[in-house]
């Protein structure tokens, strides 16, 4: 089971590397369904880079969870799960408040 969890982190790392280069906005749920006029209001590169950092964090959390399976350590499992939930909650709150990724169009 731990190996399957570890393998699951590979796509996350790939997506994180694409996003951290400021590309791959099609991966971001919600953004990819916006109309072109709505997308024009957002700084796509900044949004992608932010989501790339979050994806790296989620990948690390998945790896910690997998390691907890290999060495049979409940504390690592808890740390991995809590860190993943915290990252996801942070990303949701940060990206959806104060129009952080909207362009300054006057």
Protein backbone atom coordinates (compact mmCIF):
# COMPACT_ATOMS: atom_id res chain seq x y z
CA UNK A 1 0.00 0.00 0.00
CA UNK A 2 2.83 2.42 0.79
CA UNK A 3 4.33 1.98 -2.67
CA UNK A 4 1.00 2.79 -4.32
CA UNK A 5 0.75 5.96 -2.24
CA UNK A 6 4.32 6.88 -3.16
CA UNK A 7 3.58 6.36 -6.86
CA UNK A 8 0.58 8.66 -6.48
CA UNK A 9 2.93 11.53 -5.65
CA UNK A 10 4.61 11.34 -9.09
CA UNK A 11 1.81 13.09 -11.05
CA UNK A 12 1.62 15.74 -8.33
CA UNK A 13 5.34 16.44 -8.67
CA UNK A 14 5.03 16.62 -12.46
CA UNK A 15 2.07 19.02 -12.25
CA UNK A 16 3.90 21.08 -9.61
CA UNK A 17 6.93 21.49 -11.86
CA UNK A 18 4.74 22.58 -14.78
CA UNK A 19 2.84 25.07 -12.63
CA UNK A 20 5.96 26.51 -10.96
CA UNK A 21 7.20 27.57 -14.37
CA UNK A 22 4.07 29.73 -14.73
CA UNK A 23 2.51 27.38 -17.26
CA UNK A 24 -0.24 24.78 -17.19
CA UNK A 25 -3.19 26.86 -16.06
CA UNK A 26 -5.41 24.20 -17.65
CA UNK A 27 -4.57 22.02 -14.62
CA UNK A 28 -6.18 24.47 -12.18
CA UNK A 29 -9.80 23.58 -11.49
CA UNK A 30 -12.10 26.55 -11.80
CA UNK A 31 -9.65 28.61 -13.79
CA UNK A 32 -9.78 26.23 -16.74
CA UNK A 33 -13.57 26.55 -16.95
CA UNK A 34 -13.61 30.37 -17.03
CA UNK A 35 -14.40 32.24 -20.20
CA UNK A 36 -11.54 33.99 -21.99
CA UNK A 37 -12.78 37.38 -20.78
CA UNK A 38 -12.76 36.17 -17.16
CA UNK A 39 -9.29 34.63 -17.55
CA UNK A 40 -7.99 37.96 -18.89
CA UNK A 41 -8.68 39.50 -15.46
CA UNK A 42 -6.23 37.18 -13.70
CA UNK A 43 -2.44 37.06 -13.54
CA UNK A 44 -2.08 33.54 -14.89
CA UNK A 45 1.65 33.24 -14.19
CA UNK A 46 1.32 34.28 -10.53
CA UNK A 47 -1.62 31.93 -10.02
CA UNK A 48 0.27 29.04 -11.62
CA UNK A 49 3.39 29.65 -9.53
CA UNK A 50 1.34 29.79 -6.32
CA UNK A 51 -0.49 26.57 -7.17
CA UNK A 52 2.84 24.95 -8.08
CA UNK A 53 4.13 25.65 -4.58
CA UNK A 54 0.96 24.19 -3.09
CA UNK A 55 1.31 21.10 -5.29
CA UNK A 56 4.91 20.59 -4.10
CA UNK A 57 3.62 20.75 -0.53
CA UNK A 58 0.86 18.24 -1.25
CA UNK A 59 3.42 15.97 -2.93
CA UNK A 60 5.63 16.14 0.14
CA UNK A 61 2.63 15.33 2.35
CA UNK A 62 1.85 12.29 0.20
CA UNK A 63 5.46 11.15 0.46
CA UNK A 64 5.37 11.53 4.26
CA UNK A 65 2.17 9.45 4.36
CA UNK A 66 3.84 6.77 2.22
CA UNK A 67 6.91 6.77 4.46
CA UNK A 68 4.67 6.26 7.49
CA UNK A 69 3.46 3.05 5.85
CA UNK A 70 7.01 1.82 5.15
CA UNK A 71 8.33 2.40 8.67
CA UNK A 72 5.00 1.83 10.42
CA UNK A 73 4.97 5.19 12.21
CA UNK A 74 1.60 6.66 13.18
CA UNK A 75 3.08 10.07 13.98
CA UNK A 76 4.32 10.47 10.40
CA UNK A 77 0.88 9.49 9.13
CA UNK A 78 -0.76 12.15 11.27
CA UNK A 79 1.82 14.77 10.27
CA UNK A 80 1.27 13.97 6.58
CA UNK A 81 -2.51 14.12 6.78
CA UNK A 82 -2.60 17.28 8.89
CA UNK A 83 -0.08 19.05 6.67
CA UNK A 84 -2.04 18.14 3.54
CA UNK A 85 -5.32 19.39 5.01
CA UNK A 86 -3.63 22.57 6.25
CA UNK A 87 -2.10 23.25 2.82
CA UNK A 88 -5.40 22.73 1.05
CA UNK A 89 -7.30 24.97 3.47
CA UNK A 90 -4.58 27.64 3.23
CA UNK A 91 -4.64 27.51 -0.59
CA UNK A 92 -8.41 27.84 -0.70
CA UNK A 93 -8.52 30.77 1.71
CA UNK A 94 -5.47 32.59 0.32
CA UNK A 95 -6.43 32.28 -3.33
CA UNK A 96 -10.06 33.28 -2.79
CA UNK A 97 -9.58 36.37 -0.63
CA UNK A 98 -8.61 39.93 -1.53
CA UNK A 99 -8.46 39.29 -5.30
CA UNK A 100 -4.80 38.32 -4.90
CA UNK A 101 -4.38 37.05 -8.44
CA UNK A 102 -6.47 39.62 -10.27
CA UNK A 103 -4.66 42.02 -12.55
CA UNK A 104 -4.74 45.71 -11.64
CA UNK A 105 -6.80 46.96 -14.56
CA UNK A 106 -7.78 50.60 -14.13
